[in-house]
Protein backbone atom coordinates (compact mmCIF):
# COMPACT_ATOMS: atom_id res chain seq x y z
CA MET A 1 135.08 -71.40 176.43
CA SER A 2 132.59 -69.14 174.69
CA ILE A 3 131.45 -65.95 176.41
CA PRO A 4 128.31 -66.73 178.47
CA ASP A 5 125.07 -64.98 177.54
CA TYR A 6 123.76 -62.29 179.87
CA GLN A 7 121.20 -64.58 181.52
CA SER A 8 123.94 -67.01 182.50
CA LEU A 9 125.70 -64.13 184.26
CA MET A 10 122.77 -63.17 186.50
CA ARG A 11 123.46 -65.66 189.28
CA PRO A 12 127.25 -65.16 189.33
CA LEU A 13 126.66 -61.40 189.58
CA LEU A 14 124.18 -61.84 192.39
CA ALA A 15 126.53 -64.25 194.16
CA PHE A 16 129.32 -61.68 193.94
CA ALA A 17 127.15 -59.30 195.99
CA SER A 18 125.96 -61.97 198.44
CA ASP A 19 127.74 -60.48 201.47
CA GLY A 20 125.37 -57.50 201.30
CA SER A 21 128.06 -54.85 200.97
CA GLU A 22 128.20 -52.23 198.25
CA LYS A 23 129.88 -53.54 195.09
CA ASN A 24 131.51 -51.91 192.07
CA ILE A 25 130.35 -53.21 188.70
CA ASN A 26 133.89 -53.16 187.28
CA ASP A 27 135.10 -55.30 190.18
CA ALA A 28 132.23 -57.67 189.46
CA ILE A 29 133.19 -57.92 185.79
CA ASN A 30 136.80 -58.79 186.65
CA HIS A 31 135.79 -61.22 189.39
CA ILE A 32 133.31 -63.14 187.23
CA ALA A 33 135.71 -63.22 184.28
CA GLY A 34 138.34 -64.79 186.53
CA GLN A 35 135.81 -67.19 188.00
CA LEU A 36 134.89 -68.34 184.48
CA ASN A 37 138.56 -68.57 183.42
CA LEU A 38 137.99 -66.30 180.44
CA THR A 39 141.06 -65.57 178.36
CA ASP A 40 142.24 -62.00 177.72
CA ASP A 41 140.88 -62.28 174.18
CA GLU A 42 137.47 -63.33 175.49
CA ARG A 43 137.44 -60.54 178.09
CA HIS A 44 138.27 -57.88 175.51
CA GLN A 45 136.36 -59.16 172.48
CA LEU A 46 134.32 -56.21 171.22
CA LEU A 47 130.77 -55.84 170.02
CA PRO A 48 130.47 -55.20 166.26
CA SER A 49 130.17 -51.49 167.08
CA GLY A 50 133.70 -51.68 168.50
CA LYS A 51 132.74 -49.49 171.46
CA GLN A 52 132.35 -51.99 174.31
CA ALA A 53 133.57 -55.44 175.28
CA ILE A 54 130.94 -58.14 174.81
CA PHE A 55 131.51 -59.65 178.25
CA ALA A 56 131.28 -56.31 180.08
CA ASN A 57 128.16 -55.42 178.11
CA ARG A 58 126.48 -58.68 179.12
CA VAL A 59 127.37 -58.22 182.80
CA HIS A 60 125.90 -54.70 182.69
CA TRP A 61 122.68 -56.08 181.19
CA ALA A 62 122.54 -58.81 183.83
CA ARG A 63 122.75 -56.04 186.45
CA THR A 64 119.96 -54.08 184.71
CA TYR A 65 117.62 -57.07 184.73
CA LEU A 66 118.37 -57.92 188.35
CA ASP A 67 117.80 -54.28 189.28
CA LYS A 68 114.44 -54.20 187.48
CA ALA A 69 113.42 -57.36 189.35
CA GLY A 70 114.35 -55.78 192.68
CA ALA A 71 117.15 -58.27 193.39
CA ILE A 72 119.74 -55.51 193.62
CA LYS A 73 119.61 -51.75 194.01
CA ARG A 74 121.87 -49.09 192.61
CA THR A 75 123.57 -47.09 195.33
CA ARG A 76 125.64 -44.63 193.29
CA ARG A 77 127.37 -44.53 189.94
CA SER A 78 128.83 -47.94 189.01
CA HIS A 79 127.86 -49.36 192.43
CA PHE A 80 125.08 -51.66 193.57
CA GLN A 81 123.98 -53.73 196.54
CA MET A 82 122.00 -56.91 196.99
CA THR A 83 118.49 -56.63 198.45
CA ASP A 84 116.57 -59.06 200.63
CA ARG A 85 114.81 -60.26 197.49
CA GLY A 86 118.19 -60.95 195.93
CA LYS A 87 119.21 -63.05 198.91
CA GLN A 88 116.01 -65.04 198.57
CA LEU A 89 116.55 -65.52 194.84
CA LEU A 90 120.06 -66.77 195.44
CA ALA A 91 118.89 -69.28 198.03
CA GLU A 92 115.98 -70.56 195.93
CA ASN A 93 117.99 -70.90 192.70
CA PRO A 94 121.26 -72.69 193.45
CA THR A 95 122.24 -73.25 189.80
CA ARG A 96 120.78 -70.58 187.52
CA ILE A 97 118.78 -67.36 187.51
CA ASN A 98 117.31 -66.20 184.21
CA VAL A 99 114.51 -64.12 182.76
CA GLN A 100 111.95 -66.85 183.42
CA VAL A 101 112.82 -66.79 187.13
CA LEU A 102 112.55 -63.00 187.27
CA LYS A 103 109.10 -63.00 185.65
CA LYS A 104 107.47 -63.84 188.98
CA PHE A 105 108.06 -60.24 190.11
CA PRO A 106 105.45 -57.66 188.99
CA GLU A 107 108.07 -54.92 188.61
CA PHE A 108 109.99 -57.03 186.16
CA ILE A 109 106.87 -57.86 184.13
CA THR A 110 106.13 -54.12 183.93
CA PHE A 111 109.68 -53.49 182.74
CA GLN A 112 109.40 -56.14 180.01
CA THR A 113 105.88 -55.34 178.82
CA PRO A 114 105.72 -53.05 175.78
CA LYS A 115 103.44 -50.04 176.08
CA VAL A 116 100.89 -48.77 173.55
CA THR A 117 101.25 -45.03 172.91
CA ASP A 118 99.02 -42.54 171.14
CA ALA A 119 100.10 -40.11 168.40
CA ALA A 120 101.40 -37.68 171.02
CA GLY A 121 103.61 -40.34 172.52
CA ASP A 122 101.60 -40.67 175.75
CA ASN A 123 101.12 -44.09 177.29
CA VAL A 124 97.64 -45.40 176.68
CA ALA A 125 97.82 -48.90 178.11
CA PRO A 126 100.19 -51.83 178.34
CA LEU A 127 99.77 -54.63 175.86
CA LEU A 128 97.67 -57.55 177.00
CA ALA A 129 99.21 -59.18 180.06
CA GLU A 130 99.08 -62.57 178.41
CA THR A 131 101.32 -61.39 175.57
CA GLU A 132 104.48 -63.42 175.74
CA ILE A 133 107.75 -61.56 175.49
CA PRO A 134 110.16 -63.80 173.59
CA GLU A 135 113.25 -64.66 175.60
CA SER A 136 116.61 -64.21 174.01
CA ALA A 137 120.17 -65.10 174.92
CA VAL A 138 121.44 -61.84 173.44
CA THR A 139 121.38 -58.35 174.93
CA PRO A 140 119.34 -55.58 173.27
CA GLU A 141 122.51 -54.08 171.72
CA GLU A 142 123.46 -57.45 170.28
CA ALA A 143 119.92 -57.95 168.95
CA VAL A 144 120.06 -54.55 167.20
CA GLN A 145 123.46 -55.35 165.69
CA GLN A 146 122.29 -58.79 164.56
CA ALA A 147 119.27 -57.19 162.90
CA GLU A 148 121.55 -54.60 161.26
CA SER A 149 123.76 -57.40 159.97
CA GLN A 150 120.77 -59.26 158.54
CA ILE A 151 119.49 -56.11 156.84
CA PHE A 152 122.93 -55.51 155.34
CA GLU A 153 123.23 -59.09 154.07
CA ASN A 154 119.84 -58.80 152.40
CA LEU A 155 120.79 -55.44 150.87
CA ARG A 156 124.12 -56.85 149.66
CA SER A 157 122.34 -59.74 147.97
CA GLN A 158 119.85 -57.40 146.29
CA LEU A 159 122.62 -55.11 145.06
CA LEU A 160 124.53 -57.97 143.43
CA ILE A 161 121.36 -59.25 141.77
CA ARG A 162 120.64 -55.80 140.35
CA ILE A 163 124.23 -55.46 139.10
CA SER A 164 124.11 -58.90 137.46
CA GLU A 165 120.96 -57.84 135.60
CA SER A 166 122.57 -54.63 134.33
CA SER A 167 124.69 -54.06 131.24
CA PRO A 168 128.51 -54.05 131.22
CA SER A 169 128.46 -50.30 130.51
CA PHE A 170 126.25 -49.72 133.56
CA PHE A 171 128.71 -51.68 135.68
CA GLU A 172 131.56 -49.50 134.40
CA GLY A 173 129.55 -46.42 135.36
CA LEU A 174 128.90 -47.91 138.79
CA VAL A 175 132.64 -48.39 139.31
CA VAL A 176 133.18 -44.77 138.26
CA ASP A 177 130.62 -43.55 140.79
CA LEU A 178 132.16 -45.65 143.54
CA VAL A 179 135.69 -44.47 142.77
CA ILE A 180 134.54 -40.83 142.93
CA ALA A 181 132.53 -41.41 146.12
CA MET A 182 135.67 -42.85 147.73
CA GLY A 183 137.58 -39.68 146.91
CA TYR A 184 139.62 -40.79 143.89
CA GLY A 185 139.70 -39.72 140.28
CA GLY A 186 139.02 -36.00 140.53
CA SER A 187 135.93 -35.01 138.53
CA ARG A 188 133.49 -37.51 137.08
CA ALA A 189 134.14 -36.21 133.58
CA SER A 190 137.87 -36.93 133.81
CA VAL A 191 137.24 -40.45 135.08
CA VAL A 192 134.64 -41.20 132.44
CA GLN A 193 136.96 -40.00 129.70
CA ARG A 194 139.66 -42.42 130.76
CA LEU A 195 137.70 -45.42 132.01
CA GLY A 196 137.30 -48.05 129.33
CA LYS A 197 139.21 -45.90 126.83
CA SER A 198 142.80 -46.98 127.31
CA GLY A 199 142.59 -50.08 125.13
CA ASP A 200 145.53 -51.70 126.91
CA GLU A 201 145.25 -55.41 127.60
CA GLY A 202 144.03 -56.04 131.13
CA ILE A 203 143.37 -52.34 131.82
CA ASP A 204 139.82 -50.97 131.79
CA GLY A 205 140.58 -47.53 133.15
CA VAL A 206 142.97 -45.18 134.86
CA VAL A 207 142.09 -42.78 137.66
CA ASN A 208 144.03 -40.26 139.70
CA GLU A 209 144.84 -41.29 143.26
CA ASP A 210 145.04 -37.63 144.29
CA PRO A 211 143.50 -34.38 142.98
CA LEU A 212 146.75 -33.31 141.30
CA GLY A 213 147.29 -36.58 139.50
CA LEU A 214 150.67 -37.17 141.13
CA ASP A 215 149.93 -40.89 141.22
CA VAL A 216 147.48 -43.04 139.30
CA VAL A 217 145.58 -46.27 139.88
CA TYR A 218 144.82 -48.72 137.07
CA ILE A 219 141.46 -50.47 137.18
CA GLN A 220 139.99 -53.62 135.75
CA ALA A 221 136.23 -54.12 136.21
CA LYS A 222 134.62 -57.46 135.35
CA ARG A 223 130.95 -58.26 135.79
CA TYR A 224 130.71 -62.03 136.21
CA ALA A 225 128.11 -64.45 137.55
CA ALA A 226 128.46 -65.23 141.25
CA ASP A 227 129.71 -68.77 140.56
CA ASN A 228 132.37 -67.63 138.09
CA THR A 229 135.46 -67.53 140.31
CA ILE A 230 138.40 -65.48 139.06
CA GLY A 231 141.58 -67.53 139.12
CA ARG A 232 145.28 -66.76 139.42
CA GLU A 233 145.73 -66.44 135.64
CA ARG A 234 143.50 -63.36 135.43
CA ILE A 235 145.47 -61.61 138.17
CA GLN A 236 148.74 -62.56 136.49
CA GLN A 237 147.50 -60.94 133.28
CA PHE A 238 146.48 -57.81 135.19
CA ALA A 239 149.87 -57.65 136.94
CA GLY A 240 151.58 -58.02 133.56
CA ALA A 241 149.53 -55.16 132.17
CA LEU A 242 150.59 -53.00 135.12
CA VAL A 243 154.24 -53.81 134.43
CA GLY A 244 153.73 -52.85 130.79
CA GLN A 245 152.40 -49.48 131.90
CA GLY A 246 155.15 -48.96 134.46
CA ALA A 247 152.38 -48.85 137.06
CA SER A 248 152.68 -49.81 140.71
CA LYS A 249 149.03 -49.80 141.79
CA GLY A 250 145.95 -51.57 140.50
CA VAL A 251 142.43 -52.46 141.55
CA PHE A 252 140.56 -55.48 140.19
CA VAL A 253 136.81 -55.16 140.74
CA THR A 254 134.39 -58.01 140.11
CA THR A 255 130.87 -59.04 141.01
CA SER A 256 131.98 -62.64 141.64
CA SER A 257 134.87 -63.90 143.81
CA PHE A 258 138.58 -64.72 143.69
CA SER A 259 140.23 -68.10 144.13
CA ARG A 260 142.77 -68.66 146.91
CA GLY A 261 145.51 -68.77 144.28
CA ALA A 262 144.45 -65.39 142.92
CA ILE A 263 144.45 -63.83 146.38
CA GLU A 264 147.86 -65.27 147.27
CA TYR A 265 149.35 -64.10 143.97
CA ALA A 266 148.03 -60.55 144.46
CA ILE A 267 149.75 -60.43 147.85
CA LYS A 268 153.12 -61.64 146.52
CA VAL A 269 153.60 -59.50 143.42
CA PRO A 270 155.69 -56.30 143.69
CA GLN A 271 152.78 -54.20 142.44
CA ARG A 272 150.13 -53.19 144.94
CA ILE A 273 147.00 -54.98 143.70
CA ILE A 274 143.71 -54.66 145.57
CA LEU A 275 141.05 -57.28 144.87
CA ILE A 276 137.42 -56.23 145.36
CA ASP A 277 134.98 -59.13 145.09
CA GLY A 278 131.19 -58.94 144.98
CA LYS A 279 130.74 -58.92 148.73
CA GLU A 280 133.29 -56.16 149.27
CA LEU A 281 131.89 -54.21 146.30
CA ALA A 282 128.43 -54.24 147.88
CA ARG A 283 129.86 -53.24 151.27
CA LEU A 284 131.66 -50.27 149.73
CA MET A 285 128.54 -49.25 147.83
CA VAL A 286 126.58 -49.18 151.09
CA GLN A 287 129.35 -47.38 152.97
CA TYR A 288 129.76 -44.66 150.34
CA GLY A 289 126.09 -44.37 149.37
CA VAL A 290 126.31 -45.62 145.78
CA GLY A 291 123.08 -47.20 144.51
CA VAL A 292 121.45 -47.03 147.94
CA ARG A 293 119.58 -44.43 149.96
CA VAL A 294 118.72 -43.95 153.61
CA GLU A 295 115.21 -45.21 154.32
CA ARG A 296 115.12 -44.52 158.05
CA THR A 297 117.55 -43.39 160.73
CA VAL A 298 117.38 -44.93 164.18
CA GLU A 299 119.19 -43.18 167.02
CA ILE A 300 120.28 -45.22 170.02
CA LYS A 301 121.24 -43.03 172.93
CA ARG A 302 122.95 -43.76 176.21
CA ILE A 303 123.58 -41.85 179.42
CA ASP A 304 126.15 -39.05 179.17
CA LEU A 305 128.22 -39.86 182.25
CA ASP A 306 130.20 -36.62 181.99
CA TYR A 307 126.99 -34.62 182.37
CA PHE A 308 126.24 -36.25 185.71
CA ASP A 309 129.83 -36.15 186.98
CA GLU A 310 129.91 -34.39 190.35
CA GLY A 311 133.39 -35.55 191.23
CA ASP A 312 132.31 -38.76 192.99
CA ASP A 313 134.77 -41.60 193.12
């Protein structure tokens, strides 16, 4: 089964605490996961950030929403307890508790209502009470990561359009900049002198893999339209050129894509050949800051548990 969204976990979490005793959130996570028959892979599947399991994150957010609605109360770190309101909620909603159910509590509405602040950051007034807060099946972290993914996909598309509109010589320069940004090739002057100068069939340039030039990497850079898929034959030619140079490592960079046959061939040949298609090229450009700049930095902070550690169990 797929991992339930955080709203679907509200009632199971509340039911776990239905005996009124103090509960540990980690025990709740394990109990609900077992109740839902989640596999180990589903239990440990990570958020895109790689820092927390999706399921655990959603249970934590279910607890936060129930806490803000007054259905549970936090007793100490990682522990909580059901309130009388929680007992009532559980009795009145035998199948599901979600955000819509929690909206009948003023405390929860206050929690969900954005505030208007002045230039100094002071609260001026809440937005109009009738303003509807869109409901979502994803947690705030997931929403941020989805937005980040959408921004990246848009940026990737724009980068490839710009590259396709540029000249072949500009594309060669772009590859040079990327290679240097990734830590290869030594100085830009040495790379520029060798890139596009070798004249060997299937080889557009040669760069140092390390500062001393103890090993080298041969490069082929081809700027093609997005629908111009590079087939096995091109990679065979590149591999042959590597053999002719006595080379063991090569990188084939393109703005388009590779066929399955090309990918399989690159894996099988004795030479180490790395294929970088348009999508991976754009990702590397963003990662290493080539052709892009930071427009705005958003910091997302969380509680530093070590700071508040007083030795409690």
